[in-house]
Amino acid sequence: MNLNILCLYPNMMDLYGDNGNIEIIKYRANKRGIDVNIDSYTINDEEPDFYNYDLVFLGGGSDKEQKVVSKDIIKYKKQIERSINLGVFYLLICGGFQLFGKYYKDSEDNIIEGLNIFDFYTESSTDKKERCIGNIVISSKIGNKNIEILGFENHGGQTFNTDKPFGKVLYGNGNTFKNEYEGLMTENVIGTYLHGPLLSKNPELSDYIIKYCLERKYKKNINLSKLDDEFEIIAKKEMLDKLLTKSNV
């Protein structure tokens, strides 16, 4: 078995080591004997065949990078939207998440056009006290299980009109300052502000993505062999206990 992954604009959209998420997918797949091919696309590269990939990843970037990327990625709106409709999995972090909405308005009221694939939109907060920064914990239904997902958020952009959130905020902010919900999730798209990298802290989520991609590709039920995640589980539990105890004080 194998997985084909496309990493979009890795030279520009890699805030807080977001591209590490792809390394986690590769590592956990390889441990199970699953080959992983990773291609990258950036400006002036040959047009990628979005339909040929099992997973497409886009990380975060500053307003400057988003402005540049938005002008390039819009060329592929139809291909991206069709590939989503065909079931290709998309993992979108922070700025990458914002670019799949209607638009992003920066702190100087400049509009960065999004792909308009989803109905949400993002506007930068004019109040510096409302910047969403720090550790964050959300509760999310992954597969048939509710799990606690740990990450780090740092965004001034406030995202509105997400009717299918990634999860309920247990600690931290979320899509807007002191929001109840975070991100966006459909069957095959996760958009989130959780950096970290996200998947290094949440092996269950990594395996959910791998399982989804394999089952879609091979059209059969896939049971992933169990990996030794003792260290990750202990580290995550310690952090969750610390944060969630603090939130209940």
C-alpha atoms as a PDB file:
ATOM      1  CA  MET A   1       0.000   0.000   0.000  1.00  0.00           C
ATOM      2  CA  ASN A   2       1.080   3.578  -0.538  1.00  0.00           C
ATOM      3  CA  LEU A   3      -0.010   7.166  -0.001  1.00  0.00           C
ATOM      4  CA  ASN A   4       0.568  10.146  -2.259  1.00  0.00           C
ATOM      5  CA  ILE A   5       0.803  13.508  -0.488  1.00  0.00           C
ATOM      6  CA  LEU A   6       0.940  17.003  -1.944  1.00  0.00           C
ATOM      7  CA  CYS A   7       2.415  19.772   0.201  1.00  0.00           C
ATOM      8  CA  LEU A   8       1.398  23.220  -1.068  1.00  0.00           C
ATOM      9  CA  TYR A   9       3.807  26.172  -0.855  1.00  0.00           C
ATOM     10  CA  PRO A  10       6.099  24.533   1.750  1.00  0.00           C
ATOM     11  CA  ASN A  11       8.702  27.289   1.271  1.00  0.00           C
ATOM     12  CA  MET A  12       6.181  29.971   2.262  1.00  0.00           C
ATOM     13  CA  MET A  13       3.491  28.402   4.439  1.00  0.00           C
ATOM     14  CA  ASP A  14       5.378  26.696   7.256  1.00  0.00           C
ATOM     15  CA  LEU A  15       4.618  28.803  10.329  1.00  0.00           C
ATOM     16  CA  TYR A  16       5.687  27.116  13.604  1.00  0.00           C
ATOM     17  CA  GLY A  17       6.956  24.055  11.745  1.00  0.00           C
ATOM     18  CA  ASP A  18       3.593  23.142  10.203  1.00  0.00           C
ATOM     19  CA  ASN A  19       5.262  21.005   7.539  1.00  0.00           C
ATOM     20  CA  GLY A  20       6.233  18.661  10.368  1.00  0.00           C
ATOM     21  CA  ASN A  21       2.696  17.320  10.128  1.00  0.00           C
ATOM     22  CA  ILE A  22       3.596  15.634   6.856  1.00  0.00           C
ATOM     23  CA  GLU A  23       6.701  14.103   8.406  1.00  0.00           C
ATOM     24  CA  ILE A  24       4.508  12.623  11.145  1.00  0.00           C
ATOM     25  CA  ILE A  25       2.146  11.086   8.581  1.00  0.00           C
ATOM     26  CA  LYS A  26       5.104   9.624   6.709  1.00  0.00           C
ATOM     27  CA  TYR A  27       6.739   8.274   9.875  1.00  0.00           C
ATOM     28  CA  ARG A  28       3.586   6.588  11.171  1.00  0.00           C
ATOM     29  CA  ALA A  29       2.733   5.153   7.764  1.00  0.00           C
ATOM     30  CA  ASN A  30       6.279   3.846   7.159  1.00  0.00           C
ATOM     31  CA  LYS A  31       6.268   2.120  10.562  1.00  0.00           C
ATOM     32  CA  ARG A  32       3.373   0.060   9.228  1.00  0.00           C
ATOM     33  CA  GLY A  33       5.046  -0.764   5.922  1.00  0.00           C
ATOM     34  CA  ILE A  34       3.084   1.825   3.963  1.00  0.00           C
ATOM     35  CA  ASP A  35       5.106   3.717   1.353  1.00  0.00           C
ATOM     36  CA  VAL A  36       4.646   7.486   1.211  1.00  0.00           C
ATOM     37  CA  ASN A  37       5.413   9.737  -1.735  1.00  0.00           C
ATOM     38  CA  ILE A  38       5.557  13.464  -0.934  1.00  0.00           C
ATOM     39  CA  ASP A  39       5.432  16.038  -3.709  1.00  0.00           C
ATOM     40  CA  SER A  40       5.499  19.782  -3.262  1.00  0.00           C
ATOM     41  CA  TYR A  41       4.084  22.632  -5.270  1.00  0.00           C
ATOM     42  CA  THR A  42       5.033  26.296  -5.092  1.00  0.00           C
ATOM     43  CA  ILE A  43       4.750  29.322  -7.363  1.00  0.00           C
ATOM     44  CA  ASN A  44       6.040  28.780 -10.926  1.00  0.00           C
ATOM     45  CA  ASP A  45       5.997  24.995 -10.570  1.00  0.00           C
ATOM     46  CA  GLU A  46       4.111  22.832 -13.054  1.00  0.00           C
ATOM     47  CA  GLU A  47       0.398  22.536 -12.231  1.00  0.00           C
ATOM     48  CA  PRO A  48      -0.170  19.636  -9.830  1.00  0.00           C
ATOM     49  CA  ASP A  49      -2.696  16.890 -10.555  1.00  0.00           C
ATOM     50  CA  PHE A  50      -4.794  17.328  -7.419  1.00  0.00           C
ATOM     51  CA  TYR A  51      -6.868  14.238  -8.213  1.00  0.00           C
ATOM     52  CA  ASN A  52      -3.797  12.007  -8.051  1.00  0.00           C
ATOM     53  CA  TYR A  53      -3.219  12.657  -4.334  1.00  0.00           C
ATOM     54  CA  ASP A  54      -4.649  11.072  -1.224  1.00  0.00           C
ATOM     55  CA  LEU A  55      -3.789  13.994   1.049  1.00  0.00           C
ATOM     56  CA  VAL A  56      -3.178  17.674   0.320  1.00  0.00           C
ATOM     57  CA  PHE A  57      -1.583  19.841   2.997  1.00  0.00           C
ATOM     58  CA  LEU A  58      -1.335  23.619   3.355  1.00  0.00           C
ATOM     59  CA  GLY A  59       0.284  25.200   6.403  1.00  0.00           C
ATOM     60  CA  GLY A  60       0.195  28.664   7.924  1.00  0.00           C
ATOM     61  CA  GLY A  61       1.908  31.888   6.975  1.00  0.00           C
ATOM     62  CA  SER A  62       1.907  35.587   7.741  1.00  0.00           C
ATOM     63  CA  ASP A  63      -0.289  38.125   5.944  1.00  0.00           C
ATOM     64  CA  LYS A  64       2.551  38.791   3.502  1.00  0.00           C
ATOM     65  CA  GLU A  65       2.813  35.156   2.417  1.00  0.00           C
ATOM     66  CA  GLN A  66      -0.958  34.770   2.266  1.00  0.00           C
ATOM     67  CA  LYS A  67      -1.261  37.697  -0.156  1.00  0.00           C
ATOM     68  CA  VAL A  68       1.235  36.098  -2.516  1.00  0.00           C
ATOM     69  CA  VAL A  69      -0.172  32.589  -2.228  1.00  0.00           C
ATOM     70  CA  SER A  70      -3.784  33.717  -2.688  1.00  0.00           C
ATOM     71  CA  LYS A  71      -2.983  35.157  -6.126  1.00  0.00           C
ATOM     72  CA  ASP A  72      -1.473  31.853  -7.236  1.00  0.00           C
ATOM     73  CA  ILE A  73      -3.758  29.273  -5.659  1.00  0.00           C
ATOM     74  CA  ILE A  74      -6.897  30.899  -7.094  1.00  0.00           C
ATOM     75  CA  LYS A  75      -5.834  29.471 -10.483  1.00  0.00           C
ATOM     76  CA  TYR A  76      -6.613  26.017  -9.132  1.00  0.00           C
ATOM     77  CA  LYS A  77      -9.950  26.699  -7.455  1.00  0.00           C
ATOM     78  CA  LYS A  78     -11.936  24.357  -9.725  1.00  0.00           C
ATOM     79  CA  GLN A  79      -9.414  21.535  -9.440  1.00  0.00           C
ATOM     80  CA  ILE A  80      -9.192  21.872  -5.656  1.00  0.00           C
ATOM     81  CA  GLU A  81     -12.954  22.026  -5.189  1.00  0.00           C
ATOM     82  CA  ARG A  82     -13.511  19.029  -7.449  1.00  0.00           C
ATOM     83  CA  SER A  83     -10.811  17.000  -5.690  1.00  0.00           C
ATOM     84  CA  ILE A  84     -12.488  17.738  -2.343  1.00  0.00           C
ATOM     85  CA  ASN A  85     -15.808  16.585  -3.793  1.00  0.00           C
ATOM     86  CA  LEU A  86     -14.081  13.398  -4.959  1.00  0.00           C
ATOM     87  CA  GLY A  87     -12.890  12.726  -1.406  1.00  0.00           C
ATOM     88  CA  VAL A  88      -9.237  13.803  -1.403  1.00  0.00           C
ATOM     89  CA  PHE A  89      -8.315  14.668   2.209  1.00  0.00           C
ATOM     90  CA  TYR A  90      -7.215  18.253   2.915  1.00  0.00           C
ATOM     91  CA  LEU A  91      -5.414  19.315   6.096  1.00  0.00           C
ATOM     92  CA  LEU A  92      -5.275  23.119   6.383  1.00  0.00           C
ATOM     93  CA  ILE A  93      -3.493  24.992   9.153  1.00  0.00           C
ATOM     94  CA  CYS A  94      -4.057  28.642  10.161  1.00  0.00           C
ATOM     95  CA  GLY A  95      -3.369  30.793   7.073  1.00  0.00           C
ATOM     96  CA  GLY A  96      -4.003  27.776   4.852  1.00  0.00           C
ATOM     97  CA  PHE A  97      -7.357  27.317   6.578  1.00  0.00           C
ATOM     98  CA  GLN A  98      -8.240  30.994   6.060  1.00  0.00           C
ATOM     99  CA  LEU A  99      -7.521  30.823   2.327  1.00  0.00           C
ATOM    100  CA  PHE A 100     -10.295  28.254   1.795  1.00  0.00           C
ATOM    101  CA  GLY A 101     -12.952  30.683   3.004  1.00  0.00           C
ATOM    102  CA  LYS A 102     -14.485  33.724   1.306  1.00  0.00           C
ATOM    103  CA  TYR A 103     -11.800  36.224   2.251  1.00  0.00           C
ATOM    104  CA  TYR A 104      -9.352  37.436   4.880  1.00  0.00           C
ATOM    105  CA  LYS A 105      -9.354  41.119   5.876  1.00  0.00           C
ATOM    106  CA  ASP A 106      -6.018  42.104   7.407  1.00  0.00           C
ATOM    107  CA  SER A 107      -5.379  44.703  10.122  1.00  0.00           C
ATOM    108  CA  GLU A 108      -5.107  47.461   7.498  1.00  0.00           C
ATOM    109  CA  ASP A 109      -8.471  46.532   5.931  1.00  0.00           C
ATOM    110  CA  ASN A 110      -6.842  44.977   2.876  1.00  0.00           C
ATOM    111  CA  ILE A 111      -8.859  42.080   1.461  1.00  0.00           C
ATOM    112  CA  ILE A 112      -7.060  38.834   0.628  1.00  0.00           C
ATOM    113  CA  GLU A 113      -9.401  36.826  -1.576  1.00  0.00           C
ATOM    114  CA  GLY A 114     -10.010  33.236  -0.562  1.00  0.00           C
ATOM    115  CA  LEU A 115     -10.980  30.256  -2.690  1.00  0.00           C
ATOM    116  CA  ASN A 116     -14.578  30.593  -1.474  1.00  0.00           C
ATOM    117  CA  ILE A 117     -14.930  26.831  -1.181  1.00  0.00           C
ATOM    118  CA  PHE A 118     -16.460  27.239   2.283  1.00  0.00           C
ATOM    119  CA  ASP A 119     -18.758  29.988   3.591  1.00  0.00           C
ATOM    120  CA  PHE A 120     -16.585  31.206   6.462  1.00  0.00           C
ATOM    121  CA  TYR A 121     -14.621  34.452   6.354  1.00  0.00           C
ATOM    122  CA  THR A 122     -11.835  35.935   8.477  1.00  0.00           C
ATOM    123  CA  GLU A 123     -11.208  39.462   9.685  1.00  0.00           C
ATOM    124  CA  SER A 124      -8.210  40.604  11.677  1.00  0.00           C
ATOM    125  CA  SER A 125      -9.044  41.928  15.120  1.00  0.00           C
ATOM    126  CA  THR A 126      -8.334  45.628  15.621  1.00  0.00           C
ATOM    127  CA  ASP A 127      -7.960  45.025  19.359  1.00  0.00           C
ATOM    128  CA  LYS A 128      -4.520  43.622  20.166  1.00  0.00           C
ATOM    129  CA  LYS A 129      -5.946  42.221  23.396  1.00  0.00           C
ATOM    130  CA  GLU A 130      -8.102  39.920  21.311  1.00  0.00           C
ATOM    131  CA  ARG A 131      -5.227  38.073  19.665  1.00  0.00           C
ATOM    132  CA  CYS A 132      -5.708  34.340  20.148  1.00  0.00           C
ATOM    133  CA  ILE A 133      -2.389  33.020  21.409  1.00  0.00           C
ATOM    134  CA  GLY A 134      -1.296  30.152  23.612  1.00  0.00           C
ATOM    135  CA  ASN A 135      -2.026  26.495  24.226  1.00  0.00           C
ATOM    136  CA  ILE A 136      -5.432  25.216  23.182  1.00  0.00           C
ATOM    137  CA  VAL A 137      -7.434  22.046  23.817  1.00  0.00           C
ATOM    138  CA  ILE A 138     -10.523  21.047  21.884  1.00  0.00           C
ATOM    139  CA  SER A 139     -12.868  18.078  22.079  1.00  0.00           C
ATOM    140  CA  SER A 140     -13.504  16.587  18.653  1.00  0.00           C
ATOM    141  CA  LYS A 141     -15.310  13.551  17.281  1.00  0.00           C
ATOM    142  CA  ILE A 142     -12.715  11.638  15.299  1.00  0.00           C
ATOM    143  CA  GLY A 143     -14.166   8.562  13.686  1.00  0.00           C
ATOM    144  CA  ASN A 144     -16.540   7.218  16.302  1.00  0.00           C
ATOM    145  CA  LYS A 145     -14.606   8.543  19.282  1.00  0.00           C
ATOM    146  CA  ASN A 146     -14.564  11.851  21.116  1.00  0.00           C
ATOM    147  CA  ILE A 147     -10.937  12.768  21.746  1.00  0.00           C
ATOM    148  CA  GLU A 148      -9.144  15.737  23.251  1.00  0.00           C
ATOM    149  CA  ILE A 149      -6.849  17.450  20.769  1.00  0.00           C
ATOM    150  CA  LEU A 150      -3.932  19.560  21.921  1.00  0.00           C
ATOM    151  CA  GLY A 151      -2.235  22.353  20.017  1.00  0.00           C
ATOM    152  CA  PHE A 152      -0.899  25.898  19.983  1.00  0.00           C
ATOM    153  CA  GLU A 153      -2.734  28.883  18.474  1.00  0.00           C
ATOM    154  CA  ASN A 154      -1.407  32.288  17.484  1.00  0.00           C
ATOM    155  CA  HIS A 155      -3.727  34.302  15.266  1.00  0.00           C
ATOM    156  CA  GLY A 156      -5.148  37.797  15.113  1.00  0.00           C
ATOM    157  CA  GLY A 157      -7.622  36.732  12.440  1.00  0.00           C
ATOM    158  CA  GLN A 158     -11.122  36.046  13.714  1.00  0.00           C
ATOM    159  CA  THR A 159     -12.974  33.443  11.654  1.00  0.00           C
ATOM    160  CA  PHE A 160     -16.768  33.623  11.426  1.00  0.00           C
ATOM    161  CA  ASN A 161     -19.594  31.513   9.997  1.00  0.00           C
ATOM    162  CA  THR A 162     -18.177  28.016  10.440  1.00  0.00           C
ATOM    163  CA  ASP A 163     -21.195  25.753  10.844  1.00  0.00           C
ATOM    164  CA  LYS A 164     -19.155  22.529  11.026  1.00  0.00           C
ATOM    165  CA  PRO A 165     -16.427  23.146  13.626  1.00  0.00           C
ATOM    166  CA  PHE A 166     -13.429  20.902  14.168  1.00  0.00           C
ATOM    167  CA  GLY A 167     -14.179  20.781  17.881  1.00  0.00           C
ATOM    168  CA  LYS A 168     -15.473  22.384  21.041  1.00  0.00           C
ATOM    169  CA  VAL A 169     -12.949  24.520  22.921  1.00  0.00           C
ATOM    170  CA  LEU A 170     -12.042  23.217  26.378  1.00  0.00           C
ATOM    171  CA  TYR A 171      -9.097  25.554  26.907  1.00  0.00           C
ATOM    172  CA  GLY A 172      -7.940  28.516  24.822  1.00  0.00           C
ATOM    173  CA  ASN A 173      -9.772  30.656  22.274  1.00  0.00           C
ATOM    174  CA  GLY A 174     -10.793  29.071  18.991  1.00  0.00           C
ATOM    175  CA  ASN A 175     -12.040  30.637  15.775  1.00  0.00           C
ATOM    176  CA  THR A 176     -12.501  33.979  17.501  1.00  0.00           C
ATOM    177  CA  PHE A 177     -11.397  35.396  20.841  1.00  0.00           C
ATOM    178  CA  LYS A 178     -12.981  33.327  23.638  1.00  0.00           C
ATOM    179  CA  ASN A 179     -15.047  31.290  21.186  1.00  0.00           C
ATOM    180  CA  GLU A 180     -16.833  28.057  22.000  1.00  0.00           C
ATOM    181  CA  TYR A 181     -15.670  26.308  18.836  1.00  0.00           C
ATOM    182  CA  GLU A 182     -12.510  25.886  16.761  1.00  0.00           C
ATOM    183  CA  GLY A 183     -11.767  25.194  13.125  1.00  0.00           C
ATOM    184  CA  LEU A 184     -13.785  23.418  10.491  1.00  0.00           C
ATOM    185  CA  MET A 185     -14.229  19.725   9.802  1.00  0.00           C
ATOM    186  CA  THR A 186     -16.055  17.789   7.113  1.00  0.00           C
ATOM    187  CA  GLU A 187     -15.594  14.138   6.189  1.00  0.00           C
ATOM    188  CA  ASN A 188     -12.377  14.872   4.337  1.00  0.00           C
ATOM    189  CA  VAL A 189     -11.330  18.428   5.267  1.00  0.00           C
ATOM    190  CA  ILE A 190      -9.840  19.688   8.512  1.00  0.00           C
ATOM    191  CA  GLY A 191      -9.141  23.396   8.808  1.00  0.00           C
ATOM    192  CA  THR A 192      -7.707  24.518  12.134  1.00  0.00           C
ATOM    193  CA  TYR A 193      -5.632  27.126  13.934  1.00  0.00           C
ATOM    194  CA  LEU A 194      -3.790  24.429  15.898  1.00  0.00           C
ATOM    195  CA  HIS A 195      -0.066  24.554  15.237  1.00  0.00           C
ATOM    196  CA  GLY A 196       2.418  22.487  17.127  1.00  0.00           C
ATOM    197  CA  PRO A 197       2.855  20.617  14.776  1.00  0.00           C
ATOM    198  CA  LEU A 198      -0.667  19.380  15.368  1.00  0.00           C
ATOM    199  CA  LEU A 199      -0.107  15.725  14.493  1.00  0.00           C
ATOM    200  CA  SER A 200       2.994  15.224  16.636  1.00  0.00           C
ATOM    201  CA  LYS A 201       0.883  15.917  19.723  1.00  0.00           C
ATOM    202  CA  ASN A 202      -2.154  13.951  18.574  1.00  0.00           C
ATOM    203  CA  PRO A 203      -1.254  10.519  17.126  1.00  0.00           C
ATOM    204  CA  GLU A 204      -4.933   9.481  17.081  1.00  0.00           C
ATOM    205  CA  LEU A 205      -5.675  12.238  14.591  1.00  0.00           C
ATOM    206  CA  SER A 206      -2.708  11.288  12.438  1.00  0.00           C
ATOM    207  CA  ASP A 207      -3.932   7.689  12.281  1.00  0.00           C
ATOM    208  CA  TYR A 208      -7.471   8.810  11.475  1.00  0.00           C
ATOM    209  CA  ILE A 209      -6.161  10.652   8.411  1.00  0.00           C
ATOM    210  CA  ILE A 210      -3.995   7.717   7.319  1.00  0.00           C
ATOM    211  CA  LYS A 211      -6.899   5.280   7.720  1.00  0.00           C
ATOM    212  CA  TYR A 212      -9.304   7.539   5.808  1.00  0.00           C
ATOM    213  CA  CYS A 213      -6.867   7.979   2.913  1.00  0.00           C
ATOM    214  CA  LEU A 214      -6.128   4.258   2.634  1.00  0.00           C
ATOM    215  CA  GLU A 215      -9.767   3.197   2.835  1.00  0.00           C
ATOM    216  CA  ARG A 216     -10.759   5.696   0.162  1.00  0.00           C
ATOM    217  CA  LYS A 217      -7.923   4.600  -2.096  1.00  0.00           C
ATOM    218  CA  TYR A 218      -8.234   0.849  -1.706  1.00  0.00           C
ATOM    219  CA  LYS A 219     -11.995   0.744  -1.126  1.00  0.00           C
ATOM    220  CA  LYS A 220     -11.831  -1.622   1.822  1.00  0.00           C
ATOM    221  CA  ASN A 221     -11.719  -1.500   5.602  1.00  0.00           C
ATOM    222  CA  ILE A 222      -8.195  -0.884   6.906  1.00  0.00           C
ATOM    223  CA  ASN A 223      -7.094  -1.861  10.412  1.00  0.00           C
ATOM    224  CA  LEU A 224      -3.882  -0.023  11.256  1.00  0.00           C
ATOM    225  CA  SER A 225      -1.425  -1.938  13.403  1.00  0.00           C
ATOM    226  CA  LYS A 226      -0.869  -0.404  16.826  1.00  0.00           C
ATOM    227  CA  LEU A 227       2.297   1.652  17.341  1.00  0.00           C
ATOM    228  CA  ASP A 228       4.153   2.266  20.578  1.00  0.00           C
ATOM    229  CA  ASP A 229       2.822   5.710  21.514  1.00  0.00           C
ATOM    230  CA  GLU A 230       3.573   5.471  25.223  1.00  0.00           C
ATOM    231  CA  PHE A 231       5.808   8.541  25.277  1.00  0.00           C
ATOM    232  CA  GLU A 232       3.350  10.654  23.259  1.00  0.00           C
ATOM    233  CA  ILE A 233       0.432   9.546  25.438  1.00  0.00           C
ATOM    234  CA  ILE A 234       2.227  10.388  28.679  1.00  0.00           C
ATOM    235  CA  ALA A 235       3.412  13.781  27.390  1.00  0.00           C
ATOM    236  CA  LYS A 236      -0.046  14.665  26.105  1.00  0.00           C
ATOM    237  CA  LYS A 237      -1.781  13.553  29.308  1.00  0.00           C
ATOM    238  CA  GLU A 238       0.541  15.654  31.429  1.00  0.00           C
ATOM    239  CA  MET A 239      -0.170  18.742  29.338  1.00  0.00           C
ATOM    240  CA  LEU A 240      -3.922  18.111  29.234  1.00  0.00           C
ATOM    241  CA  ASP A 241      -4.068  17.636  32.997  1.00  0.00           C
ATOM    242  CA  LYS A 242      -2.204  20.886  33.512  1.00  0.00           C
ATOM    243  CA  LEU A 243      -4.342  22.934  31.122  1.00  0.00           C
ATOM    244  CA  LEU A 244      -7.747  21.505  31.922  1.00  0.00           C
ATOM    245  CA  THR A 245      -7.162  21.713  35.670  1.00  0.00           C
ATOM    246  CA  LYS A 246      -6.177  25.350  35.190  1.00  0.00           C
ATOM    247  CA  SER A 247      -9.350  26.051  33.172  1.00  0.00           C
ATOM    248  CA  ASN A 248     -11.513  24.670  35.990  1.00  0.00           C
ATOM    249  CA  VAL A 249      -9.932  26.805  38.706  1.00  0.00           C
END
